[in-house]
């Protein structure tokens, strides 16, 4: 592998990064049509955003199954699933993890919300949440914790970027109730 190609590998453990990493999509704004996607889900299912038109949809993007922040966020959304359902909303968590990883994560934490697998990052990139990040001075690319509230007509009603987990699911529920 050439020296240049090696620069696009995430510390030798992650996927090969594209040379235009982070420049692939424009930033979505509220009021735009939500990008459509079809992704495999836990339990061998599939989710298709087009099939959910006519109902509110909460799509929350998170970096990785079974990490502390991602687990807290999933548990928070899962705990409010009946309240989201009562207002006619579907909640879908999306990460680059595999469907098998989602299955294990759901079993471990008794989660009942849908988790969509996006290892190829098609939805992650379409929603503009694959971002350059930094930890302890090391730069890398990963999912920026973000949530999108999609209205019944398929438009983005609200966007939360760089989400802080405590209280977030409650805030999203309140916004969903106001649709």
N, C-alpha and C. Protein backbone atom coordinates (compact mmCIF):
# COMPACT_ATOMS: atom_id res chain seq x y z
N UNK A 1 0.85 -1.17 0.00
CA UNK A 1 0.00 0.00 0.00
C UNK A 1 0.90 1.23 0.00
N UNK A 2 0.51 2.22 -0.80
CA UNK A 2 1.32 3.43 -0.88
C UNK A 2 1.18 4.25 0.39
N UNK A 3 2.11 5.16 0.61
CA UNK A 3 2.06 6.01 1.80
C UNK A 3 0.78 6.84 1.81
N UNK A 4 0.37 7.35 0.64
CA UNK A 4 -0.85 8.16 0.56
C UNK A 4 -2.09 7.35 0.91
N UNK A 5 -2.15 6.10 0.42
CA UNK A 5 -3.31 5.26 0.71
C UNK A 5 -3.38 4.94 2.20
N UNK A 6 -2.23 4.75 2.82
CA UNK A 6 -2.22 4.44 4.25
C UNK A 6 -2.81 5.58 5.06
N UNK A 7 -2.69 6.79 4.58
CA UNK A 7 -3.22 7.94 5.32
C UNK A 7 -4.73 7.91 5.40
N UNK A 8 -5.38 7.12 4.56
CA UNK A 8 -6.83 7.08 4.55
C UNK A 8 -7.38 5.86 5.28
N UNK A 9 -6.56 5.18 6.03
CA UNK A 9 -7.01 4.06 6.85
C UNK A 9 -7.08 4.56 8.29
N UNK A 10 -8.18 4.28 8.97
CA UNK A 10 -8.41 4.75 10.32
C UNK A 10 -7.59 3.93 11.31
N UNK A 11 -6.37 4.35 11.58
CA UNK A 11 -5.48 3.72 12.57
C UNK A 11 -5.36 2.21 12.34
N UNK A 12 -5.55 1.79 11.08
CA UNK A 12 -5.40 0.38 10.75
C UNK A 12 -6.55 -0.49 11.21
N UNK A 13 -7.55 0.07 11.90
CA UNK A 13 -8.61 -0.78 12.42
C UNK A 13 -9.96 -0.48 11.80
N UNK A 14 -10.10 0.65 11.17
CA UNK A 14 -11.40 1.02 10.64
C UNK A 14 -11.47 0.88 9.14
N UNK A 15 -12.56 1.32 8.57
CA UNK A 15 -12.73 1.22 7.12
C UNK A 15 -11.77 2.17 6.41
N UNK A 16 -11.51 1.86 5.17
CA UNK A 16 -10.70 2.76 4.36
C UNK A 16 -11.49 4.03 4.15
N UNK A 17 -10.86 5.16 4.40
CA UNK A 17 -11.55 6.43 4.25
C UNK A 17 -11.34 6.99 2.86
N UNK A 18 -12.33 7.67 2.38
CA UNK A 18 -12.25 8.27 1.06
C UNK A 18 -11.45 9.56 1.13
N UNK A 19 -10.82 9.91 0.02
CA UNK A 19 -9.98 11.11 0.02
C UNK A 19 -10.78 12.37 0.26
N UNK A 20 -12.06 12.37 -0.11
CA UNK A 20 -12.88 13.56 0.10
C UNK A 20 -13.75 13.42 1.35
N UNK A 21 -13.29 12.63 2.29
CA UNK A 21 -14.01 12.34 3.52
C UNK A 21 -14.52 13.62 4.17
N UNK A 22 -15.79 13.63 4.53
CA UNK A 22 -16.38 14.77 5.21
C UNK A 22 -16.87 15.85 4.26
N UNK A 23 -16.54 15.75 2.96
CA UNK A 23 -16.98 16.76 2.00
C UNK A 23 -18.05 16.19 1.07
N UNK A 24 -18.62 15.06 1.42
CA UNK A 24 -19.47 14.35 0.48
C UNK A 24 -20.90 14.86 0.42
N UNK A 25 -21.37 15.53 1.43
CA UNK A 25 -22.76 15.94 1.45
C UNK A 25 -22.89 17.37 1.94
N UNK A 26 -23.98 17.98 1.51
CA UNK A 26 -24.26 19.31 2.04
C UNK A 26 -24.99 19.14 3.37
N UNK A 27 -24.95 20.14 4.17
CA UNK A 27 -25.64 20.09 5.46
C UNK A 27 -27.14 20.21 5.23
N UNK A 28 -27.90 19.28 5.76
CA UNK A 28 -29.36 19.33 5.64
C UNK A 28 -29.91 20.43 6.53
N UNK A 29 -31.05 20.98 6.13
CA UNK A 29 -31.70 22.03 6.92
C UNK A 29 -33.16 21.66 7.16
N UNK A 30 -33.71 22.22 8.20
CA UNK A 30 -35.11 21.99 8.53
C UNK A 30 -35.99 22.50 7.39
N UNK A 31 -37.04 21.74 7.08
CA UNK A 31 -37.94 22.08 5.99
C UNK A 31 -37.66 21.31 4.71
N UNK A 32 -36.44 20.77 4.56
CA UNK A 32 -36.10 19.98 3.38
C UNK A 32 -36.75 18.61 3.46
N UNK A 33 -36.92 17.98 2.29
CA UNK A 33 -37.34 16.59 2.27
C UNK A 33 -36.24 15.74 2.88
N UNK A 34 -36.62 14.80 3.70
CA UNK A 34 -35.65 13.90 4.32
C UNK A 34 -35.11 12.93 3.28
N UNK A 35 -33.81 12.72 3.23
CA UNK A 35 -33.27 11.74 2.29
C UNK A 35 -33.83 10.35 2.59
N UNK A 36 -34.26 9.68 1.55
CA UNK A 36 -34.82 8.34 1.70
C UNK A 36 -33.69 7.34 1.92
N UNK A 37 -34.00 6.23 2.56
CA UNK A 37 -33.02 5.16 2.73
C UNK A 37 -33.72 3.85 2.96
N UNK A 38 -33.03 2.79 2.65
CA UNK A 38 -33.45 1.42 2.96
C UNK A 38 -32.26 0.76 3.63
N UNK A 39 -32.46 0.27 4.85
CA UNK A 39 -31.36 -0.33 5.59
C UNK A 39 -31.82 -1.61 6.29
N UNK A 40 -30.91 -2.56 6.46
CA UNK A 40 -31.23 -3.74 7.26
C UNK A 40 -31.36 -3.34 8.73
N UNK A 41 -32.20 -4.05 9.44
CA UNK A 41 -32.38 -3.78 10.87
C UNK A 41 -32.09 -5.04 11.67
N UNK A 42 -32.11 -4.86 12.97
CA UNK A 42 -31.96 -5.99 13.88
C UNK A 42 -33.06 -7.01 13.57
N UNK A 43 -32.81 -8.24 13.94
CA UNK A 43 -33.82 -9.28 13.77
C UNK A 43 -34.05 -9.70 12.33
N UNK A 44 -33.17 -9.30 11.41
CA UNK A 44 -33.31 -9.69 10.02
C UNK A 44 -34.30 -8.87 9.22
N UNK A 45 -34.76 -7.76 9.78
CA UNK A 45 -35.73 -6.92 9.08
C UNK A 45 -35.07 -5.87 8.20
N UNK A 46 -35.91 -5.02 7.62
CA UNK A 46 -35.44 -3.89 6.82
C UNK A 46 -36.31 -2.70 7.16
N UNK A 47 -35.73 -1.51 7.09
CA UNK A 47 -36.52 -0.29 7.25
C UNK A 47 -36.35 0.54 5.99
N UNK A 48 -37.46 1.09 5.54
CA UNK A 48 -37.50 1.93 4.35
C UNK A 48 -38.24 3.19 4.74
N UNK A 49 -37.56 4.32 4.68
CA UNK A 49 -38.18 5.59 5.10
C UNK A 49 -39.45 5.87 4.29
N UNK A 50 -39.48 5.48 3.02
CA UNK A 50 -40.66 5.71 2.18
C UNK A 50 -41.90 5.00 2.76
N UNK A 51 -41.70 3.85 3.36
CA UNK A 51 -42.82 3.10 3.95
C UNK A 51 -43.39 3.79 5.18
N UNK A 52 -42.68 4.76 5.73
CA UNK A 52 -43.11 5.41 6.96
C UNK A 52 -43.77 6.77 6.72
N UNK A 53 -43.92 7.15 5.44
CA UNK A 53 -44.60 8.43 5.15
C UNK A 53 -46.01 8.37 5.72
N UNK A 54 -46.47 9.50 6.23
CA UNK A 54 -47.78 9.56 6.86
C UNK A 54 -47.69 9.46 8.37
N UNK A 55 -46.49 9.21 8.88
CA UNK A 55 -46.27 9.22 10.33
C UNK A 55 -44.99 9.97 10.64
N UNK A 56 -44.90 10.46 11.83
CA UNK A 56 -43.66 11.12 12.26
C UNK A 56 -42.60 10.05 12.47
N UNK A 57 -41.35 10.41 12.15
CA UNK A 57 -40.24 9.48 12.33
C UNK A 57 -39.10 10.20 13.03
N UNK A 58 -38.57 9.59 14.06
CA UNK A 58 -37.38 10.09 14.74
C UNK A 58 -36.23 9.18 14.32
N UNK A 59 -35.22 9.78 13.68
CA UNK A 59 -34.04 9.03 13.29
C UNK A 59 -32.89 9.57 14.12
N UNK A 60 -32.35 8.72 14.97
CA UNK A 60 -31.20 9.18 15.75
C UNK A 60 -29.97 8.40 15.31
N UNK A 61 -28.94 9.13 14.97
CA UNK A 61 -27.67 8.55 14.52
C UNK A 61 -26.73 8.52 15.71
N UNK A 62 -26.08 7.39 15.89
CA UNK A 62 -25.16 7.24 17.02
C UNK A 62 -23.91 6.51 16.57
N UNK A 63 -22.78 6.73 17.25
CA UNK A 63 -21.51 6.18 16.79
C UNK A 63 -21.34 4.66 16.87
N UNK A 64 -21.71 4.04 18.00
CA UNK A 64 -21.34 2.63 18.16
C UNK A 64 -22.19 1.95 19.23
N UNK A 65 -22.64 0.74 18.91
CA UNK A 65 -23.39 -0.07 19.87
C UNK A 65 -22.55 -0.31 21.13
N UNK A 66 -23.26 -0.33 22.25
CA UNK A 66 -22.71 -0.77 23.53
C UNK A 66 -21.57 0.08 24.08
N UNK A 67 -21.51 1.35 23.68
CA UNK A 67 -20.61 2.30 24.34
C UNK A 67 -21.47 3.10 25.31
N UNK A 68 -20.86 3.75 26.27
CA UNK A 68 -21.64 4.34 27.35
C UNK A 68 -22.68 5.36 26.88
N UNK A 69 -22.28 6.33 26.07
CA UNK A 69 -23.22 7.35 25.61
C UNK A 69 -24.29 6.77 24.71
N UNK A 70 -23.91 5.88 23.82
CA UNK A 70 -24.86 5.27 22.88
C UNK A 70 -25.85 4.38 23.62
N UNK A 71 -25.38 3.68 24.63
CA UNK A 71 -26.26 2.84 25.43
C UNK A 71 -27.26 3.70 26.20
N UNK A 72 -26.79 4.77 26.81
CA UNK A 72 -27.69 5.67 27.55
C UNK A 72 -28.75 6.27 26.63
N UNK A 73 -28.34 6.65 25.43
CA UNK A 73 -29.28 7.23 24.47
C UNK A 73 -30.32 6.20 24.04
N UNK A 74 -29.89 5.00 23.71
CA UNK A 74 -30.82 3.94 23.30
C UNK A 74 -31.80 3.61 24.42
N UNK A 75 -31.31 3.52 25.64
CA UNK A 75 -32.18 3.22 26.78
C UNK A 75 -33.20 4.34 26.99
N UNK A 76 -32.77 5.59 26.81
CA UNK A 76 -33.69 6.73 26.97
C UNK A 76 -34.80 6.69 25.91
N UNK A 77 -34.43 6.50 24.64
CA UNK A 77 -35.46 6.42 23.59
C UNK A 77 -36.35 5.20 23.80
N UNK A 78 -35.76 4.08 24.18
CA UNK A 78 -36.53 2.87 24.42
C UNK A 78 -37.54 3.07 25.55
N UNK A 79 -37.13 3.76 26.60
CA UNK A 79 -38.02 4.03 27.73
C UNK A 79 -39.21 4.89 27.38
N UNK A 80 -39.08 5.67 26.32
CA UNK A 80 -40.17 6.55 25.88
C UNK A 80 -40.92 6.01 24.67
N UNK A 81 -40.63 4.77 24.26
CA UNK A 81 -41.20 4.25 23.02
C UNK A 81 -42.72 4.26 23.02
N UNK A 82 -43.35 3.97 24.14
CA UNK A 82 -44.83 3.98 24.19
C UNK A 82 -45.37 5.40 24.00
N UNK A 83 -44.66 6.38 24.54
CA UNK A 83 -45.10 7.77 24.38
C UNK A 83 -44.91 8.24 22.94
N UNK A 84 -43.81 7.81 22.30
CA UNK A 84 -43.63 8.14 20.88
C UNK A 84 -44.73 7.48 20.06
N UNK A 85 -45.02 6.21 20.34
CA UNK A 85 -46.07 5.50 19.61
C UNK A 85 -47.44 6.17 19.80
N UNK A 86 -47.70 6.67 21.01
CA UNK A 86 -48.97 7.32 21.31
C UNK A 86 -49.19 8.57 20.47
N UNK A 87 -48.12 9.22 20.05
CA UNK A 87 -48.26 10.40 19.19
C UNK A 87 -48.01 10.04 17.72
N UNK A 88 -48.00 8.75 17.42
CA UNK A 88 -47.89 8.28 16.05
C UNK A 88 -46.50 8.37 15.46
N UNK A 89 -45.47 8.25 16.28
CA UNK A 89 -44.09 8.38 15.80
C UNK A 89 -43.35 7.05 15.92
N UNK A 90 -42.49 6.82 14.94
CA UNK A 90 -41.59 5.67 14.93
C UNK A 90 -40.19 6.17 15.25
N UNK A 91 -39.47 5.45 16.10
CA UNK A 91 -38.09 5.80 16.45
C UNK A 91 -37.16 4.76 15.84
N UNK A 92 -36.13 5.25 15.14
CA UNK A 92 -35.14 4.36 14.52
C UNK A 92 -33.75 4.86 14.88
N UNK A 93 -32.94 4.00 15.47
CA UNK A 93 -31.54 4.31 15.73
C UNK A 93 -30.71 3.81 14.56
N UNK A 94 -29.73 4.60 14.12
CA UNK A 94 -28.88 4.21 12.99
C UNK A 94 -27.42 4.37 13.39
N UNK A 95 -26.64 3.32 13.13
CA UNK A 95 -25.19 3.39 13.37
C UNK A 95 -24.50 2.58 12.28
N UNK A 96 -23.18 2.72 12.17
CA UNK A 96 -22.46 1.91 11.19
C UNK A 96 -22.24 0.46 11.60
N UNK A 97 -22.75 0.07 12.76
CA UNK A 97 -22.62 -1.31 13.22
C UNK A 97 -23.46 -2.25 12.35
N UNK A 98 -23.15 -3.52 12.41
CA UNK A 98 -23.91 -4.53 11.66
C UNK A 98 -25.23 -4.85 12.35
N UNK A 99 -26.14 -5.49 11.61
CA UNK A 99 -27.40 -5.92 12.19
C UNK A 99 -27.15 -6.94 13.31
N UNK A 100 -26.14 -7.80 13.15
CA UNK A 100 -25.80 -8.77 14.19
C UNK A 100 -25.35 -8.06 15.47
N UNK A 101 -24.60 -6.99 15.34
CA UNK A 101 -24.19 -6.20 16.50
C UNK A 101 -25.41 -5.59 17.18
N UNK A 102 -26.35 -5.09 16.36
CA UNK A 102 -27.58 -4.51 16.92
C UNK A 102 -28.37 -5.57 17.69
N UNK A 103 -28.45 -6.78 17.14
CA UNK A 103 -29.17 -7.85 17.84
C UNK A 103 -28.58 -8.09 19.23
N UNK A 104 -27.28 -8.19 19.29
CA UNK A 104 -26.59 -8.43 20.57
C UNK A 104 -26.82 -7.26 21.54
N UNK A 105 -26.70 -6.03 21.02
CA UNK A 105 -26.90 -4.81 21.81
C UNK A 105 -28.33 -4.76 22.38
N UNK A 106 -29.30 -5.09 21.54
CA UNK A 106 -30.70 -5.06 21.98
C UNK A 106 -30.97 -6.12 23.06
N UNK A 107 -30.43 -7.33 22.85
CA UNK A 107 -30.62 -8.38 23.86
C UNK A 107 -30.00 -7.98 25.19
N UNK A 108 -28.79 -7.46 25.14
CA UNK A 108 -28.07 -7.11 26.36
C UNK A 108 -28.80 -6.06 27.19
N UNK A 109 -29.46 -5.10 26.50
CA UNK A 109 -30.08 -3.97 27.21
C UNK A 109 -31.61 -3.97 27.13
N UNK A 110 -32.21 -5.09 26.70
CA UNK A 110 -33.66 -5.23 26.59
C UNK A 110 -34.30 -4.09 25.81
N UNK A 111 -33.72 -3.76 24.66
CA UNK A 111 -34.23 -2.67 23.83
C UNK A 111 -35.30 -3.20 22.88
N UNK A 112 -36.32 -2.38 22.66
CA UNK A 112 -37.39 -2.76 21.74
C UNK A 112 -37.51 -1.80 20.56
N UNK A 113 -36.74 -0.74 20.53
CA UNK A 113 -36.78 0.17 19.39
C UNK A 113 -36.01 -0.43 18.22
N UNK A 114 -36.32 0.02 17.01
CA UNK A 114 -35.64 -0.49 15.81
C UNK A 114 -34.25 0.13 15.70
N UNK A 115 -33.28 -0.70 15.36
CA UNK A 115 -31.92 -0.23 15.11
C UNK A 115 -31.54 -0.65 13.69
N UNK A 116 -31.18 0.34 12.87
CA UNK A 116 -30.82 0.09 11.48
C UNK A 116 -29.31 0.07 11.33
N UNK A 117 -28.84 -0.88 10.53
CA UNK A 117 -27.40 -1.06 10.30
C UNK A 117 -27.00 -0.32 9.02
N UNK A 118 -25.98 0.52 9.12
CA UNK A 118 -25.50 1.28 7.97
C UNK A 118 -23.98 1.20 7.86
N UNK A 119 -23.43 -0.02 7.73
CA UNK A 119 -21.97 -0.14 7.65
C UNK A 119 -21.37 0.51 6.40
N UNK A 120 -22.18 0.67 5.36
CA UNK A 120 -21.69 1.33 4.14
C UNK A 120 -21.88 2.84 4.23
N UNK A 121 -22.54 3.29 5.27
CA UNK A 121 -22.73 4.72 5.59
C UNK A 121 -23.60 5.47 4.58
N UNK A 122 -24.49 4.80 3.89
CA UNK A 122 -25.32 5.48 2.89
C UNK A 122 -26.24 6.51 3.53
N UNK A 123 -26.99 6.13 4.56
CA UNK A 123 -27.86 7.09 5.25
C UNK A 123 -27.03 8.05 6.09
N UNK A 124 -25.99 7.54 6.73
CA UNK A 124 -25.13 8.38 7.56
C UNK A 124 -24.56 9.54 6.75
N UNK A 125 -24.12 9.26 5.54
CA UNK A 125 -23.58 10.32 4.68
C UNK A 125 -24.68 11.18 4.09
N UNK A 126 -25.82 10.58 3.72
CA UNK A 126 -26.93 11.35 3.16
C UNK A 126 -27.44 12.39 4.16
N UNK A 127 -27.39 12.06 5.44
CA UNK A 127 -27.83 12.99 6.48
C UNK A 127 -26.70 13.89 6.99
N UNK A 128 -25.51 13.72 6.43
CA UNK A 128 -24.39 14.60 6.76
C UNK A 128 -23.86 14.46 8.17
N UNK A 129 -23.91 13.25 8.72
CA UNK A 129 -23.46 13.08 10.11
C UNK A 129 -22.13 12.34 10.21
N UNK A 130 -21.47 12.05 9.08
CA UNK A 130 -20.13 11.47 9.09
C UNK A 130 -19.18 12.64 9.12
N UNK A 131 -18.56 12.87 10.25
CA UNK A 131 -17.79 14.10 10.47
C UNK A 131 -16.38 13.79 10.99
N UNK A 132 -15.51 14.76 10.80
CA UNK A 132 -14.19 14.67 11.41
C UNK A 132 -14.35 14.96 12.89
N UNK A 133 -13.72 14.13 13.71
CA UNK A 133 -13.79 14.26 15.16
C UNK A 133 -12.37 14.27 15.70
N UNK A 134 -12.25 14.59 16.95
CA UNK A 134 -10.93 14.62 17.58
C UNK A 134 -11.05 14.11 19.01
N UNK A 135 -10.13 13.22 19.38
CA UNK A 135 -10.09 12.73 20.76
C UNK A 135 -8.63 12.61 21.18
N UNK A 136 -8.30 13.26 22.25
CA UNK A 136 -6.93 13.24 22.77
C UNK A 136 -5.91 13.64 21.70
N UNK A 137 -6.30 14.62 20.89
CA UNK A 137 -5.41 15.13 19.86
C UNK A 137 -5.38 14.32 18.58
N UNK A 138 -6.03 13.18 18.56
CA UNK A 138 -6.07 12.33 17.37
C UNK A 138 -7.32 12.66 16.56
N UNK A 139 -7.14 12.93 15.28
CA UNK A 139 -8.27 13.22 14.41
C UNK A 139 -8.70 11.95 13.70
N UNK A 140 -10.00 11.78 13.56
CA UNK A 140 -10.56 10.62 12.89
C UNK A 140 -11.96 10.97 12.42
N UNK A 141 -12.57 10.11 11.61
CA UNK A 141 -13.93 10.33 11.15
C UNK A 141 -14.86 9.35 11.84
N UNK A 142 -16.05 9.83 12.14
CA UNK A 142 -17.04 8.99 12.78
C UNK A 142 -18.40 9.66 12.74
N UNK A 143 -19.38 9.01 13.31
CA UNK A 143 -20.74 9.53 13.35
C UNK A 143 -20.84 10.61 14.42
N UNK A 144 -21.34 11.77 14.01
CA UNK A 144 -21.66 12.83 14.96
C UNK A 144 -23.07 12.54 15.49
N UNK A 145 -23.18 12.37 16.80
CA UNK A 145 -24.47 12.05 17.40
C UNK A 145 -25.48 13.14 17.01
N UNK A 146 -26.49 12.74 16.25
CA UNK A 146 -27.46 13.69 15.70
C UNK A 146 -28.83 13.03 15.64
N UNK A 147 -29.87 13.85 15.72
CA UNK A 147 -31.24 13.36 15.63
C UNK A 147 -32.02 14.21 14.65
N UNK A 148 -32.85 13.55 13.85
CA UNK A 148 -33.69 14.22 12.87
C UNK A 148 -35.13 13.83 13.13
N UNK A 149 -36.00 14.83 13.25
CA UNK A 149 -37.43 14.59 13.38
C UNK A 149 -38.05 14.85 12.01
N UNK A 150 -38.67 13.81 11.46
CA UNK A 150 -39.27 13.87 10.13
C UNK A 150 -40.79 13.96 10.31
N UNK A 151 -41.41 14.93 9.65
CA UNK A 151 -42.87 15.07 9.80
C UNK A 151 -43.61 14.07 8.92
N UNK A 152 -44.92 14.11 8.99
CA UNK A 152 -45.75 13.13 8.28
C UNK A 152 -45.68 13.27 6.76
N UNK A 153 -45.19 14.40 6.27
CA UNK A 153 -45.06 14.62 4.83
C UNK A 153 -43.65 14.28 4.33
N UNK A 154 -42.79 13.81 5.24
CA UNK A 154 -41.45 13.42 4.85
C UNK A 154 -40.43 14.56 4.86
N UNK A 155 -40.79 15.66 5.51
CA UNK A 155 -39.88 16.80 5.61
C UNK A 155 -39.19 16.82 6.97
N UNK A 156 -37.99 17.35 7.00
CA UNK A 156 -37.25 17.47 8.26
C UNK A 156 -37.86 18.61 9.07
N UNK A 157 -38.45 18.26 10.20
CA UNK A 157 -39.10 19.27 11.05
C UNK A 157 -38.11 19.86 12.04
N UNK A 158 -37.15 19.06 12.51
CA UNK A 158 -36.20 19.54 13.53
C UNK A 158 -34.92 18.70 13.43
N UNK A 159 -33.80 19.39 13.65
CA UNK A 159 -32.49 18.73 13.66
C UNK A 159 -31.77 19.06 14.95
N UNK A 160 -31.21 18.05 15.58
CA UNK A 160 -30.33 18.22 16.74
C UNK A 160 -28.97 17.67 16.34
N UNK A 161 -27.95 18.48 16.42
CA UNK A 161 -26.59 18.04 16.09
C UNK A 161 -25.74 18.09 17.36
N UNK A 162 -24.66 17.32 17.37
CA UNK A 162 -23.76 17.24 18.52
C UNK A 162 -24.56 17.04 19.81
N UNK A 163 -25.42 16.06 19.77
CA UNK A 163 -26.35 15.79 20.86
C UNK A 163 -25.62 15.43 22.15
N UNK A 164 -26.10 16.00 23.23
CA UNK A 164 -25.72 15.59 24.59
C UNK A 164 -26.87 14.72 25.07
N UNK A 165 -26.58 13.53 25.54
CA UNK A 165 -27.60 12.52 25.81
C UNK A 165 -28.58 12.88 26.93
N UNK A 166 -28.14 13.37 28.10
CA UNK A 166 -29.11 13.59 29.18
C UNK A 166 -30.25 14.54 28.76
N UNK A 167 -31.48 14.05 28.87
CA UNK A 167 -32.66 14.85 28.56
C UNK A 167 -33.00 14.93 27.08
N UNK A 168 -32.15 14.41 26.21
CA UNK A 168 -32.37 14.56 24.76
C UNK A 168 -33.64 13.85 24.29
N UNK A 169 -33.85 12.61 24.68
CA UNK A 169 -35.03 11.87 24.23
C UNK A 169 -36.31 12.58 24.64
N UNK A 170 -36.34 13.16 25.84
CA UNK A 170 -37.50 13.92 26.31
C UNK A 170 -37.73 15.15 25.44
N UNK A 171 -36.65 15.83 25.07
CA UNK A 171 -36.75 17.01 24.21
C UNK A 171 -37.30 16.63 22.83
N UNK A 172 -36.84 15.51 22.30
CA UNK A 172 -37.32 15.05 21.00
C UNK A 172 -38.80 14.68 21.08
N UNK A 173 -39.20 14.03 22.17
CA UNK A 173 -40.62 13.68 22.36
C UNK A 173 -41.47 14.94 22.38
N UNK A 174 -41.04 15.97 23.12
CA UNK A 174 -41.81 17.22 23.19
C UNK A 174 -41.96 17.83 21.79
N UNK A 175 -40.90 17.82 21.01
CA UNK A 175 -40.96 18.37 19.65
C UNK A 175 -41.90 17.53 18.77
N UNK A 176 -41.86 16.21 18.97
CA UNK A 176 -42.71 15.31 18.19
C UNK A 176 -44.17 15.57 18.51
N UNK A 177 -44.49 15.81 19.76
CA UNK A 177 -45.87 16.10 20.16
C UNK A 177 -46.39 17.38 19.51
N UNK A 178 -45.51 18.30 19.19
CA UNK A 178 -45.94 19.58 18.64
C UNK A 178 -46.15 19.54 17.12
N UNK A 179 -45.88 18.41 16.49
CA UNK A 179 -46.07 18.32 15.03
C UNK A 179 -47.56 18.35 14.68
